[in-house]
Amino acid sequence: MPPRKTSRAACNVHCLGTGDGWPCADRNHSSYLYELAGTLLLIDCGESVTRSLTARKFDWNALDGIVLSHTHADHLGGLAMLLQGMWLEGRSRDLTIHLPGHVIKPLRNLLHHGYLFDELFGFQLKFQPLPVGKSFTVGKVRLTPHPTSHLDGFRRAFQKKYRVGFDAYCFVIEGAGKRVVHSADLGAPQDLLPVLTKPVDLLVCELAHFTPADLFATLGGHAIKQAAFIHLARNVRARLTSVKRMAARRLPDIPCRFPNDGDVLKF
């Protein structure tokens, strides 16, 4: 795990949790630690993120920011324990969590009802709504959130009964001359098209909500230096050997990886 002072030359993604939304016996849920331009950025806080970081003797003051793509439990479920861990381990740096704006008030209430009161923290905890289509910075990294259709089905089915937001985002992450796309969860592969109009050094893309064939067909012809497919659905993971062969056949110009928990992607 990277030290407090990260190297500006380091361009790594630490895969802390690569599981899909189903209960997983062998994978943690979605959490990815980006190390880029001397910045440490955590995208999503799936269950067991705290255990993953603790096992790596992580410096709790090292984290520069947290970004939540949406609020499905497999992307949010580890946040409260992560914050409790930071409190108990004595983090002192202020921390900002960037997330869909609709969830800020209820999330604060949840933390308070879990006895994680502001006065307990040795740092200021801030919540910042994601600016749709506009860039923001964490450390020396620039992120641009792009809406996806991941929760459109839920919106159609439940928005009249439940007055909640149904926002989900993928991200362009830029720093140290690199351009990375992190899909989080998508509604369809075509959600990626607006962020693939420029060359991509690394695409970190889920493979749970559509078929591999549909995804590979969408990615073909785009300038992607390498791709990592994560959040694999159970049926995809069960036939991983054939899926890897399909990726090699349909994306011959893109080196493809299928990382597990604990793997580090270098780019």
Protein backbone atom coordinates (compact mmCIF):
# COMPACT_ATOMS: atom_id res chain seq x y z
CA MET A 1 0.00 0.00 0.00
CA PRO A 2 1.39 3.47 -0.88
CA PRO A 3 3.02 5.57 1.84
CA ARG A 4 1.82 8.99 2.99
CA LYS A 5 3.96 10.80 0.43
CA THR A 6 3.11 9.11 -2.82
CA SER A 7 5.37 9.38 -5.83
CA ARG A 8 4.19 11.77 -8.52
CA ALA A 9 5.33 9.14 -11.01
CA ALA A 10 3.10 6.43 -9.53
CA CYS A 11 0.00 5.61 -11.56
CA ASN A 12 -1.73 2.72 -9.85
CA VAL A 13 -5.20 1.43 -9.05
CA HIS A 14 -5.40 -0.75 -5.94
CA CYS A 15 -8.37 -3.07 -6.37
CA LEU A 16 -9.73 -3.40 -2.83
CA GLY A 17 -13.10 -4.86 -3.82
CA THR A 18 -13.99 -6.25 -7.25
CA GLY A 19 -17.23 -8.08 -6.43
CA ASP A 20 -20.63 -7.48 -7.97
CA GLY A 21 -23.80 -6.61 -6.07
CA TRP A 22 -24.55 -10.19 -4.99
CA PRO A 23 -23.24 -11.62 -1.73
CA CYS A 24 -19.68 -12.76 -2.43
CA ALA A 25 -17.70 -15.42 -0.58
CA ASP A 26 -14.45 -14.63 -2.38
CA ARG A 27 -14.62 -10.93 -3.24
CA ASN A 28 -15.16 -7.67 -1.37
CA HIS A 29 -17.57 -5.13 -2.76
CA SER A 30 -16.71 -2.13 -4.91
CA SER A 31 -13.79 -0.03 -3.69
CA TYR A 32 -10.81 1.23 -5.68
CA LEU A 33 -7.89 3.27 -4.41
CA TYR A 34 -6.36 5.46 -7.12
CA GLU A 35 -2.77 6.60 -6.77
CA LEU A 36 -2.12 9.35 -9.29
CA ALA A 37 -0.16 12.63 -9.37
CA GLY A 38 0.81 12.21 -5.73
CA THR A 39 -2.88 11.91 -4.78
CA LEU A 40 -4.71 9.03 -3.10
CA LEU A 41 -8.37 8.87 -4.05
CA LEU A 42 -10.91 6.23 -3.01
CA ILE A 43 -13.78 5.56 -5.40
CA ASP A 44 -16.69 3.81 -3.69
CA CYS A 45 -16.75 2.23 -0.25
CA GLY A 46 -18.11 -1.29 -0.55
CA GLU A 47 -18.18 -3.65 2.39
CA SER A 48 -14.80 -4.60 3.89
CA VAL A 49 -12.93 -1.58 2.55
CA THR A 50 -11.74 -0.85 6.10
CA ARG A 51 -10.43 -4.39 6.57
CA SER A 52 -8.67 -4.24 3.20
CA LEU A 53 -6.89 -1.00 4.08
CA THR A 54 -6.06 -2.10 7.62
CA ALA A 55 -4.49 -5.33 6.36
CA ARG A 56 -2.18 -3.21 4.23
CA LYS A 57 -1.14 -1.01 7.20
CA PHE A 58 -2.64 2.00 5.48
CA ASP A 59 -1.83 5.46 6.81
CA TRP A 60 -5.27 6.90 7.59
CA ASN A 61 -4.03 10.45 7.02
CA ALA A 62 -2.88 9.54 3.52
CA LEU A 63 -6.30 9.52 1.87
CA ASP A 64 -6.99 12.77 0.01
CA GLY A 65 -10.67 12.23 -0.76
CA ILE A 66 -13.57 9.83 -1.31
CA VAL A 67 -15.92 9.74 -4.30
CA LEU A 68 -19.18 7.77 -4.31
CA SER A 69 -20.59 6.93 -7.74
CA HIS A 70 -24.09 6.10 -6.44
CA THR A 71 -25.68 4.75 -3.31
CA HIS A 72 -26.35 1.08 -3.96
CA ALA A 73 -25.29 -0.84 -0.83
CA ASP A 74 -22.38 -2.60 -2.56
CA HIS A 75 -20.83 0.82 -3.25
CA LEU A 76 -21.77 2.53 0.01
CA GLY A 77 -22.03 -0.22 2.62
CA GLY A 78 -18.52 0.14 4.05
CA LEU A 79 -18.51 3.92 4.50
CA ALA A 80 -19.72 4.14 8.10
CA MET A 81 -17.12 1.64 9.32
CA LEU A 82 -14.42 3.41 7.30
CA LEU A 83 -15.24 6.70 9.02
CA GLN A 84 -15.39 5.00 12.41
CA GLY A 85 -11.97 3.50 11.71
CA MET A 86 -10.55 6.90 10.82
CA TRP A 87 -11.91 8.33 14.07
CA LEU A 88 -10.52 5.53 16.24
CA GLU A 89 -7.15 5.46 14.46
CA GLY A 90 -6.75 9.21 14.93
CA ARG A 91 -6.99 10.71 11.46
CA SER A 92 -6.34 14.45 11.69
CA ARG A 93 -6.64 15.71 8.08
CA ASP A 94 -9.94 17.15 6.92
CA LEU A 95 -11.78 14.86 4.53
CA THR A 96 -14.27 15.61 1.77
CA ILE A 97 -16.69 13.00 0.41
CA HIS A 98 -17.99 13.78 -3.08
CA LEU A 99 -21.33 12.08 -3.76
CA PRO A 100 -24.80 12.49 -5.28
CA GLY A 101 -26.29 15.52 -3.58
CA HIS A 102 -29.64 13.95 -2.73
CA VAL A 103 -28.06 11.58 -0.20
CA ILE A 104 -26.04 14.09 1.84
CA LYS A 105 -28.73 14.91 4.42
CA PRO A 106 -29.94 11.32 4.99
CA LEU A 107 -26.35 10.05 5.13
CA ARG A 108 -25.47 12.61 7.79
CA ASN A 109 -28.52 11.50 9.75
CA LEU A 110 -27.51 7.84 9.41
CA LEU A 111 -24.03 8.59 10.73
CA HIS A 112 -25.46 10.50 13.67
CA HIS A 113 -27.85 7.66 14.46
CA GLY A 114 -24.83 5.37 14.37
CA TYR A 115 -23.23 7.64 17.02
CA LEU A 116 -20.62 8.98 14.62
CA PHE A 117 -21.03 12.54 15.80
CA ASP A 118 -19.05 15.40 14.26
CA GLU A 119 -17.43 16.16 17.63
CA LEU A 120 -15.82 12.71 17.77
CA PHE A 121 -13.72 13.20 14.68
CA GLY A 122 -10.30 14.80 14.95
CA PHE A 123 -10.90 16.27 11.50
CA GLN A 124 -13.62 18.13 9.64
CA LEU A 125 -15.81 15.82 7.57
CA LYS A 126 -17.28 17.56 4.55
CA PHE A 127 -19.85 16.43 1.98
CA GLN A 128 -19.80 17.88 -1.51
CA PRO A 129 -22.45 17.16 -4.18
CA LEU A 130 -21.10 15.87 -7.47
CA PRO A 131 -21.26 18.61 -10.13
CA VAL A 132 -22.90 17.04 -13.18
CA GLY A 133 -20.63 17.38 -16.20
CA LYS A 134 -18.30 19.77 -14.39
CA SER A 135 -14.83 19.00 -13.13
CA PHE A 136 -13.60 19.15 -9.54
CA THR A 137 -10.28 18.37 -7.95
CA VAL A 138 -9.05 16.03 -5.24
CA GLY A 139 -5.45 16.81 -4.45
CA LYS A 140 -3.78 17.19 -7.85
CA VAL A 141 -6.27 14.99 -9.69
CA ARG A 142 -9.16 16.31 -11.73
CA LEU A 143 -12.39 14.33 -11.91
CA THR A 144 -15.36 14.86 -14.20
CA PRO A 145 -18.59 12.97 -13.37
CA HIS A 146 -20.84 11.87 -16.24
CA PRO A 147 -24.38 10.63 -15.61
CA THR A 148 -25.19 7.01 -16.50
CA SER A 149 -28.48 5.18 -16.96
CA HIS A 150 -27.72 2.63 -14.23
CA LEU A 151 -30.67 3.62 -12.03
CA ASP A 152 -33.15 4.58 -14.75
CA GLY A 153 -35.14 1.36 -14.25
CA PHE A 154 -35.44 2.06 -10.53
CA ARG A 155 -36.49 5.62 -11.30
CA ARG A 156 -39.32 4.47 -13.56
CA ALA A 157 -40.51 1.85 -11.08
CA PHE A 158 -40.21 3.72 -7.79
CA GLN A 159 -39.92 7.48 -8.15
CA LYS A 160 -43.63 8.11 -7.59
CA LYS A 161 -43.57 6.29 -4.25
CA TYR A 162 -40.08 7.07 -2.96
CA ARG A 163 -38.89 10.68 -3.00
CA VAL A 164 -35.22 9.89 -3.43
CA GLY A 165 -32.68 10.66 -6.10
CA PHE A 166 -31.70 8.10 -8.71
CA ASP A 167 -28.33 9.49 -9.75
CA ALA A 168 -25.40 7.37 -10.89
CA TYR A 169 -22.11 8.46 -12.44
CA CYS A 170 -19.01 7.28 -14.22
CA PHE A 171 -15.84 9.36 -14.01
CA VAL A 172 -13.00 10.71 -16.09
CA ILE A 173 -9.93 10.94 -13.85
CA GLU A 174 -6.99 13.05 -15.03
CA GLY A 175 -3.57 13.71 -13.55
CA ALA A 176 0.14 13.37 -14.31
CA GLY A 177 -0.66 13.44 -18.01
CA LYS A 178 -2.93 10.38 -17.73
CA ARG A 179 -6.61 10.02 -18.57
CA VAL A 180 -8.53 7.23 -16.85
CA VAL A 181 -12.20 6.26 -17.15
CA HIS A 182 -13.85 4.55 -14.18
CA SER A 183 -17.27 3.24 -15.14
CA ALA A 184 -18.73 2.42 -11.70
CA ASP A 185 -22.10 0.84 -12.57
CA LEU A 186 -23.69 1.43 -15.96
CA GLY A 187 -27.14 0.90 -17.42
CA ALA A 188 -25.72 -0.02 -20.82
CA PRO A 189 -22.28 0.00 -22.47
CA GLN A 190 -23.36 3.02 -24.51
CA ASP A 191 -23.19 5.11 -21.32
CA LEU A 192 -19.42 5.14 -21.92
CA LEU A 193 -19.53 6.70 -25.37
CA PRO A 194 -19.32 10.36 -24.21
CA VAL A 195 -16.13 9.65 -22.23
CA LEU A 196 -14.43 7.63 -24.97
CA THR A 197 -14.24 10.46 -27.48
CA LYS A 198 -10.64 11.12 -26.35
CA PRO A 199 -7.84 8.58 -25.83
CA VAL A 200 -7.92 6.65 -22.55
CA ASP A 201 -4.82 5.37 -20.77
CA LEU A 202 -6.86 2.98 -18.61
CA LEU A 203 -10.50 1.95 -18.65
CA VAL A 204 -11.78 0.35 -15.43
CA CYS A 205 -15.16 -1.03 -16.42
CA GLU A 206 -17.84 -3.12 -14.79
CA LEU A 207 -19.20 -6.28 -16.40
CA ALA A 208 -22.35 -7.13 -14.49
CA HIS A 209 -25.28 -5.37 -16.12
CA PHE A 210 -24.91 -6.41 -19.77
CA THR A 211 -23.24 -9.14 -21.77
CA PRO A 212 -19.52 -9.24 -22.53
CA ALA A 213 -20.35 -9.32 -26.22
CA ASP A 214 -22.32 -6.05 -25.98
CA LEU A 215 -19.55 -4.34 -24.01
CA PHE A 216 -16.73 -5.47 -26.29
CA ALA A 217 -18.71 -4.40 -29.35
CA THR A 218 -19.10 -0.90 -27.86
CA LEU A 219 -15.42 -0.58 -26.94
CA GLY A 220 -14.07 -1.73 -30.29
CA GLY A 221 -12.46 1.01 -32.35
CA HIS A 222 -11.83 3.38 -29.43
CA ALA A 223 -8.37 4.57 -28.39
CA ILE A 224 -7.94 2.63 -25.13
CA LYS A 225 -4.39 1.70 -24.08
CA GLN A 226 -5.54 -0.93 -21.58
CA ALA A 227 -8.77 -2.12 -19.97
CA ALA A 228 -9.57 -3.79 -16.67
CA PHE A 229 -12.95 -5.48 -16.27
CA ILE A 230 -14.28 -5.56 -12.72
CA HIS A 231 -17.60 -6.11 -10.88
CA LEU A 232 -18.10 -9.31 -12.88
CA ALA A 233 -21.54 -10.90 -12.68
CA ARG A 234 -21.67 -14.43 -11.31
CA ASN A 235 -22.45 -15.97 -14.68
CA VAL A 236 -19.57 -14.06 -16.31
CA ARG A 237 -17.13 -15.10 -13.62
CA ALA A 238 -18.24 -18.73 -13.96
CA ARG A 239 -17.12 -18.74 -17.60
CA LEU A 240 -14.18 -16.40 -17.24
CA THR A 241 -11.82 -18.39 -19.46
CA SER A 242 -14.15 -18.11 -22.45
CA VAL A 243 -14.83 -14.42 -21.70
CA LYS A 244 -11.09 -13.73 -21.72
CA ARG A 245 -10.79 -15.45 -25.09
CA MET A 246 -13.67 -13.34 -26.40
CA ALA A 247 -11.99 -10.15 -25.18
CA ALA A 248 -8.72 -11.10 -26.89
CA ARG A 249 -10.57 -11.86 -30.11
CA ARG A 250 -12.85 -8.81 -30.20
CA LEU A 251 -10.45 -6.27 -28.70
CA PRO A 252 -7.12 -7.36 -30.22
CA ASP A 253 -5.54 -3.92 -29.85
CA ILE A 254 -6.48 -3.44 -26.18
CA PRO A 255 -4.61 -5.37 -23.45
CA CYS A 256 -7.36 -6.62 -21.13
CA ARG A 257 -7.21 -7.68 -17.48
CA PHE A 258 -9.77 -9.18 -15.13
CA PRO A 259 -8.38 -8.25 -11.70
CA ASN A 260 -9.17 -9.85 -8.36
CA ASP A 261 -9.20 -8.25 -4.91
CA GLY A 262 -5.70 -7.15 -3.97
CA ASP A 263 -4.46 -6.72 -7.54
CA VAL A 264 -2.74 -3.48 -8.53
CA LEU A 265 -3.26 -2.00 -11.99
CA LYS A 266 -0.27 0.00 -13.23
CA PHE A 267 -0.67 2.39 -16.14
